[in-house]
Amino acid sequence: MTWPDSWESPDGGPERPAPPVLGDLVARLTSSRRWSERLRGARIHQCWEEIAGAQLAAHVRPVRLAGGVLVVQAESPAWATQVRYLSAQLQTRANEVLGDGEVQTVKVQAGTGR
């Protein structure tokens, strides 16, 4: 669908400029409020099973992604150890899904916050 450059006035008056596209408004709002990085980081929650795989995702959850640091929480010390061994592969897969360079470091926490 394409949008016209201008709209006819319903009362027959002069043409008015076309309204801005919603996506452009949202992009400007997120940029002006400095939400862009937070929104990019929030994508980790949406894509987590695709990144980690079903088995790992069942025992490990993303806490946050900010400044290139992905923090994950494992449900037990044993799973935390496993994730530490897999952190390079996890980083690579996250960058494949989210975009190159989004994840520069993976930090692992052990806990029960599921």
N, C-alpha and C. Protein backbone atom coordinates (compact mmCIF):
# COMPACT_ATOMS: atom_id res chain seq x y z
N MET A 1 0.85 -1.18 0.00
CA MET A 1 0.00 0.00 0.00
C MET A 1 0.89 1.23 0.00
N THR A 2 0.56 2.18 -0.82
CA THR A 2 1.30 3.43 -0.83
C THR A 2 0.38 4.54 -0.36
N TRP A 3 0.98 5.56 0.20
CA TRP A 3 0.22 6.69 0.72
C TRP A 3 0.37 7.86 -0.24
N PRO A 4 -0.70 8.59 -0.47
CA PRO A 4 -0.60 9.77 -1.33
C PRO A 4 0.24 10.86 -0.64
N ASP A 5 0.77 11.74 -1.47
CA ASP A 5 1.58 12.84 -0.93
C ASP A 5 0.71 13.92 -0.28
N SER A 6 -0.56 13.99 -0.67
CA SER A 6 -1.46 14.97 -0.06
C SER A 6 -2.88 14.42 -0.10
N TRP A 7 -3.75 15.05 0.68
CA TRP A 7 -5.14 14.63 0.78
C TRP A 7 -6.03 15.80 0.41
N GLU A 8 -7.14 15.51 -0.29
CA GLU A 8 -8.10 16.56 -0.59
C GLU A 8 -8.88 16.88 0.68
N SER A 9 -9.13 18.13 0.89
CA SER A 9 -9.91 18.55 2.04
C SER A 9 -11.36 18.13 1.82
N PRO A 10 -12.06 17.61 2.85
CA PRO A 10 -13.45 17.18 2.67
C PRO A 10 -14.39 18.32 2.29
N ASP A 11 -14.03 19.55 2.66
CA ASP A 11 -14.90 20.68 2.34
C ASP A 11 -14.53 21.34 1.02
N GLY A 12 -13.67 20.70 0.24
CA GLY A 12 -13.29 21.25 -1.06
C GLY A 12 -12.21 22.32 -0.97
N GLY A 13 -11.68 22.54 0.22
CA GLY A 13 -10.63 23.55 0.40
C GLY A 13 -9.29 23.05 -0.16
N PRO A 14 -8.23 23.75 0.19
CA PRO A 14 -6.91 23.38 -0.34
C PRO A 14 -6.48 22.00 0.17
N GLU A 15 -5.62 21.37 -0.62
CA GLU A 15 -5.10 20.07 -0.22
C GLU A 15 -4.24 20.21 1.03
N ARG A 16 -4.23 19.16 1.82
CA ARG A 16 -3.44 19.13 3.05
C ARG A 16 -2.34 18.09 2.87
N PRO A 17 -1.21 18.30 3.53
CA PRO A 17 -0.16 17.29 3.42
C PRO A 17 -0.63 15.96 4.01
N ALA A 18 -0.11 14.90 3.45
CA ALA A 18 -0.48 13.57 3.94
C ALA A 18 -0.03 13.41 5.39
N PRO A 19 -0.81 12.67 6.18
CA PRO A 19 -0.39 12.43 7.57
C PRO A 19 0.88 11.57 7.59
N PRO A 20 1.70 11.76 8.61
CA PRO A 20 2.92 10.94 8.69
C PRO A 20 2.57 9.47 8.91
N VAL A 21 3.42 8.62 8.43
CA VAL A 21 3.22 7.18 8.60
C VAL A 21 3.49 6.83 10.06
N LEU A 22 2.69 5.93 10.63
CA LEU A 22 2.80 5.57 12.04
C LEU A 22 4.20 5.09 12.40
N GLY A 23 4.81 4.29 11.53
CA GLY A 23 6.16 3.78 11.81
C GLY A 23 7.17 4.91 11.97
N ASP A 24 7.02 5.96 11.16
CA ASP A 24 7.93 7.11 11.27
C ASP A 24 7.73 7.83 12.60
N LEU A 25 6.48 7.95 13.03
CA LEU A 25 6.20 8.61 14.31
C LEU A 25 6.79 7.81 15.47
N VAL A 26 6.61 6.49 15.43
CA VAL A 26 7.15 5.63 16.49
C VAL A 26 8.67 5.71 16.50
N ALA A 27 9.31 5.69 15.35
CA ALA A 27 10.77 5.78 15.28
C ALA A 27 11.27 7.09 15.87
N ARG A 28 10.59 8.18 15.55
CA ARG A 28 11.00 9.48 16.11
C ARG A 28 10.81 9.53 17.62
N LEU A 29 9.70 8.98 18.09
CA LEU A 29 9.42 8.96 19.53
C LEU A 29 10.47 8.15 20.27
N THR A 30 10.76 6.94 19.80
CA THR A 30 11.73 6.09 20.49
C THR A 30 13.12 6.71 20.45
N SER A 31 13.44 7.38 19.37
CA SER A 31 14.75 8.02 19.27
C SER A 31 14.84 9.22 20.22
N SER A 32 13.80 10.05 20.25
CA SER A 32 13.83 11.25 21.09
C SER A 32 13.83 10.89 22.58
N ARG A 33 13.24 9.77 22.94
CA ARG A 33 13.19 9.35 24.34
C ARG A 33 14.34 8.40 24.71
N ARG A 34 15.18 8.13 23.74
CA ARG A 34 16.33 7.23 23.92
C ARG A 34 15.89 5.83 24.34
N TRP A 35 14.80 5.35 23.73
CA TRP A 35 14.29 4.03 24.01
C TRP A 35 14.83 2.99 23.05
N SER A 36 15.48 3.41 21.99
CA SER A 36 15.88 2.50 20.92
C SER A 36 16.72 1.33 21.44
N GLU A 37 17.73 1.60 22.25
CA GLU A 37 18.58 0.52 22.76
C GLU A 37 17.79 -0.42 23.66
N ARG A 38 16.92 0.14 24.49
CA ARG A 38 16.12 -0.70 25.38
C ARG A 38 15.18 -1.60 24.59
N LEU A 39 14.60 -1.06 23.52
CA LEU A 39 13.70 -1.86 22.70
C LEU A 39 14.47 -2.95 21.96
N ARG A 40 15.67 -2.61 21.48
CA ARG A 40 16.50 -3.65 20.83
C ARG A 40 16.85 -4.73 21.83
N GLY A 41 17.19 -4.34 23.05
CA GLY A 41 17.52 -5.30 24.09
C GLY A 41 16.34 -6.16 24.49
N ALA A 42 15.14 -5.62 24.43
CA ALA A 42 13.95 -6.38 24.79
C ALA A 42 13.66 -7.50 23.80
N ARG A 43 14.18 -7.39 22.59
CA ARG A 43 13.97 -8.45 21.59
C ARG A 43 14.54 -9.78 22.06
N ILE A 44 15.51 -9.76 22.96
CA ILE A 44 16.12 -11.00 23.44
C ILE A 44 15.05 -11.90 24.06
N HIS A 45 14.07 -11.31 24.73
CA HIS A 45 13.00 -12.09 25.37
C HIS A 45 12.10 -12.75 24.33
N GLN A 46 11.83 -12.05 23.24
CA GLN A 46 10.98 -12.59 22.19
C GLN A 46 11.66 -13.73 21.45
N CYS A 47 12.95 -13.65 21.26
CA CYS A 47 13.69 -14.60 20.42
C CYS A 47 14.45 -15.64 21.23
N TRP A 48 14.26 -15.68 22.53
CA TRP A 48 15.11 -16.49 23.39
C TRP A 48 15.13 -17.97 23.01
N GLU A 49 13.98 -18.57 22.78
CA GLU A 49 13.95 -20.00 22.45
C GLU A 49 14.64 -20.26 21.11
N GLU A 50 14.49 -19.36 20.18
CA GLU A 50 15.18 -19.49 18.89
C GLU A 50 16.70 -19.40 19.07
N ILE A 51 17.14 -18.56 19.98
CA ILE A 51 18.57 -18.38 20.23
C ILE A 51 19.13 -19.55 21.03
N ALA A 52 18.49 -19.89 22.13
CA ALA A 52 19.03 -20.88 23.07
C ALA A 52 18.65 -22.31 22.73
N GLY A 53 17.56 -22.50 22.02
CA GLY A 53 17.04 -23.84 21.80
C GLY A 53 16.07 -24.18 22.92
N ALA A 54 15.15 -25.08 22.63
CA ALA A 54 14.07 -25.39 23.58
C ALA A 54 14.59 -25.95 24.91
N GLN A 55 15.58 -26.85 24.85
CA GLN A 55 16.05 -27.47 26.09
C GLN A 55 16.73 -26.46 27.00
N LEU A 56 17.63 -25.66 26.46
CA LEU A 56 18.33 -24.66 27.27
C LEU A 56 17.35 -23.58 27.75
N ALA A 57 16.45 -23.15 26.86
CA ALA A 57 15.49 -22.11 27.23
C ALA A 57 14.56 -22.55 28.36
N ALA A 58 14.37 -23.85 28.52
CA ALA A 58 13.53 -24.35 29.61
C ALA A 58 14.20 -24.19 30.97
N HIS A 59 15.53 -23.98 30.99
CA HIS A 59 16.27 -23.91 32.26
C HIS A 59 17.03 -22.60 32.46
N VAL A 60 17.07 -21.79 31.43
CA VAL A 60 17.83 -20.54 31.48
C VAL A 60 16.98 -19.45 30.83
N ARG A 61 16.93 -18.28 31.46
CA ARG A 61 16.15 -17.18 30.88
C ARG A 61 17.01 -15.94 30.73
N PRO A 62 16.73 -15.12 29.75
CA PRO A 62 17.46 -13.86 29.63
C PRO A 62 16.95 -12.87 30.68
N VAL A 63 17.87 -12.15 31.29
CA VAL A 63 17.51 -11.13 32.26
C VAL A 63 17.47 -9.77 31.57
N ARG A 64 18.54 -9.47 30.83
CA ARG A 64 18.60 -8.19 30.10
C ARG A 64 19.71 -8.26 29.05
N LEU A 65 19.58 -7.38 28.09
CA LEU A 65 20.63 -7.15 27.10
C LEU A 65 20.80 -5.66 26.99
N ALA A 66 21.93 -5.17 27.44
CA ALA A 66 22.19 -3.73 27.40
C ALA A 66 23.68 -3.52 27.21
N GLY A 67 24.03 -2.59 26.35
CA GLY A 67 25.43 -2.26 26.13
C GLY A 67 26.25 -3.44 25.62
N GLY A 68 25.61 -4.36 24.91
CA GLY A 68 26.30 -5.52 24.38
C GLY A 68 26.49 -6.66 25.38
N VAL A 69 26.01 -6.48 26.60
CA VAL A 69 26.14 -7.51 27.63
C VAL A 69 24.80 -8.23 27.80
N LEU A 70 24.79 -9.51 27.52
CA LEU A 70 23.62 -10.34 27.74
C LEU A 70 23.76 -11.03 29.08
N VAL A 71 22.83 -10.76 29.98
CA VAL A 71 22.81 -11.40 31.29
C VAL A 71 21.71 -12.45 31.27
N VAL A 72 22.08 -13.68 31.61
CA VAL A 72 21.11 -14.77 31.67
C VAL A 72 21.11 -15.36 33.07
N GLN A 73 19.97 -15.92 33.44
CA GLN A 73 19.86 -16.54 34.76
C GLN A 73 19.49 -18.01 34.57
N ALA A 74 20.32 -18.88 35.13
CA ALA A 74 20.08 -20.32 35.08
C ALA A 74 19.34 -20.73 36.34
N GLU A 75 18.54 -21.78 36.22
CA GLU A 75 17.72 -22.19 37.37
C GLU A 75 18.52 -22.88 38.46
N SER A 76 19.75 -23.29 38.18
CA SER A 76 20.56 -23.96 39.21
C SER A 76 22.03 -23.73 38.90
N PRO A 77 22.90 -23.95 39.87
CA PRO A 77 24.33 -23.84 39.63
C PRO A 77 24.82 -24.79 38.52
N ALA A 78 24.22 -25.97 38.44
CA ALA A 78 24.62 -26.92 37.39
C ALA A 78 24.32 -26.37 36.00
N TRP A 79 23.13 -25.78 35.83
CA TRP A 79 22.80 -25.18 34.54
C TRP A 79 23.66 -23.95 34.28
N ALA A 80 23.98 -23.19 35.30
CA ALA A 80 24.85 -22.02 35.12
C ALA A 80 26.22 -22.46 34.60
N THR A 81 26.75 -23.54 35.14
CA THR A 81 28.04 -24.07 34.67
C THR A 81 27.93 -24.48 33.21
N GLN A 82 26.86 -25.16 32.86
CA GLN A 82 26.64 -25.59 31.47
C GLN A 82 26.61 -24.39 30.53
N VAL A 83 25.89 -23.34 30.93
CA VAL A 83 25.77 -22.15 30.08
C VAL A 83 27.12 -21.45 29.94
N ARG A 84 27.92 -21.45 30.99
CA ARG A 84 29.25 -20.83 30.89
C ARG A 84 30.09 -21.54 29.82
N TYR A 85 29.97 -22.86 29.74
CA TYR A 85 30.68 -23.61 28.71
C TYR A 85 30.15 -23.29 27.31
N LEU A 86 28.87 -22.97 27.24
CA LEU A 86 28.22 -22.71 25.95
C LEU A 86 28.14 -21.22 25.60
N SER A 87 28.73 -20.36 26.42
CA SER A 87 28.53 -18.92 26.24
C SER A 87 28.99 -18.41 24.88
N ALA A 88 30.08 -18.93 24.34
CA ALA A 88 30.55 -18.48 23.02
C ALA A 88 29.54 -18.84 21.93
N GLN A 89 28.99 -20.07 22.00
CA GLN A 89 27.99 -20.47 21.02
C GLN A 89 26.70 -19.67 21.18
N LEU A 90 26.35 -19.38 22.43
CA LEU A 90 25.17 -18.58 22.71
C LEU A 90 25.33 -17.16 22.15
N GLN A 91 26.50 -16.60 22.34
CA GLN A 91 26.78 -15.27 21.81
C GLN A 91 26.68 -15.27 20.28
N THR A 92 27.28 -16.26 19.64
CA THR A 92 27.24 -16.35 18.18
C THR A 92 25.81 -16.47 17.68
N ARG A 93 25.04 -17.35 18.31
CA ARG A 93 23.65 -17.55 17.88
C ARG A 93 22.81 -16.30 18.11
N ALA A 94 23.02 -15.63 19.23
CA ALA A 94 22.27 -14.39 19.51
C ALA A 94 22.57 -13.34 18.45
N ASN A 95 23.83 -13.23 18.05
CA ASN A 95 24.19 -12.26 17.01
C ASN A 95 23.63 -12.64 15.66
N GLU A 96 23.49 -13.94 15.38
CA GLU A 96 22.85 -14.36 14.14
C GLU A 96 21.38 -13.95 14.11
N VAL A 97 20.70 -14.07 15.23
CA VAL A 97 19.27 -13.77 15.30
C VAL A 97 19.02 -12.27 15.45
N LEU A 98 19.77 -11.61 16.32
CA LEU A 98 19.50 -10.20 16.65
C LEU A 98 20.25 -9.21 15.78
N GLY A 99 21.33 -9.65 15.18
CA GLY A 99 22.16 -8.75 14.39
C GLY A 99 23.57 -8.75 14.91
N ASP A 100 24.52 -8.71 13.99
CA ASP A 100 25.92 -8.81 14.34
C ASP A 100 26.34 -7.72 15.31
N GLY A 101 26.99 -8.13 16.39
CA GLY A 101 27.52 -7.18 17.37
C GLY A 101 26.58 -6.80 18.49
N GLU A 102 25.33 -7.28 18.45
CA GLU A 102 24.38 -6.93 19.51
C GLU A 102 24.83 -7.51 20.85
N VAL A 103 25.38 -8.73 20.82
CA VAL A 103 25.85 -9.38 22.05
C VAL A 103 27.36 -9.52 21.96
N GLN A 104 28.05 -8.88 22.89
CA GLN A 104 29.51 -8.93 22.93
C GLN A 104 30.01 -9.79 24.08
N THR A 105 29.21 -9.94 25.11
CA THR A 105 29.58 -10.71 26.30
C THR A 105 28.32 -11.38 26.86
N VAL A 106 28.49 -12.59 27.38
CA VAL A 106 27.41 -13.28 28.06
C VAL A 106 27.81 -13.46 29.52
N LYS A 107 26.99 -12.96 30.42
CA LYS A 107 27.20 -13.14 31.85
C LYS A 107 26.11 -14.06 32.38
N VAL A 108 26.53 -15.01 33.22
CA VAL A 108 25.61 -16.04 33.70
C VAL A 108 25.42 -15.90 35.20
N GLN A 109 24.17 -15.95 35.65
CA GLN A 109 23.82 -15.95 37.06
C GLN A 109 23.10 -17.24 37.37
N ALA A 110 23.33 -17.76 38.55
CA ALA A 110 22.57 -18.94 39.01
C ALA A 110 21.52 -18.44 39.97
N GLY A 111 20.33 -18.96 39.88
CA GLY A 111 19.26 -18.52 40.78
C GLY A 111 18.02 -19.32 40.56
N THR A 112 16.99 -18.94 41.25
CA THR A 112 15.72 -19.65 41.15
C THR A 112 14.61 -18.73 40.70
N GLY A 113 14.93 -17.62 40.06
CA GLY A 113 13.93 -16.63 39.70
C GLY A 113 13.09 -16.97 38.50
N ARG A 114 12.58 -18.18 38.38
CA ARG A 114 11.76 -18.57 37.24
C ARG A 114 10.31 -18.30 37.47
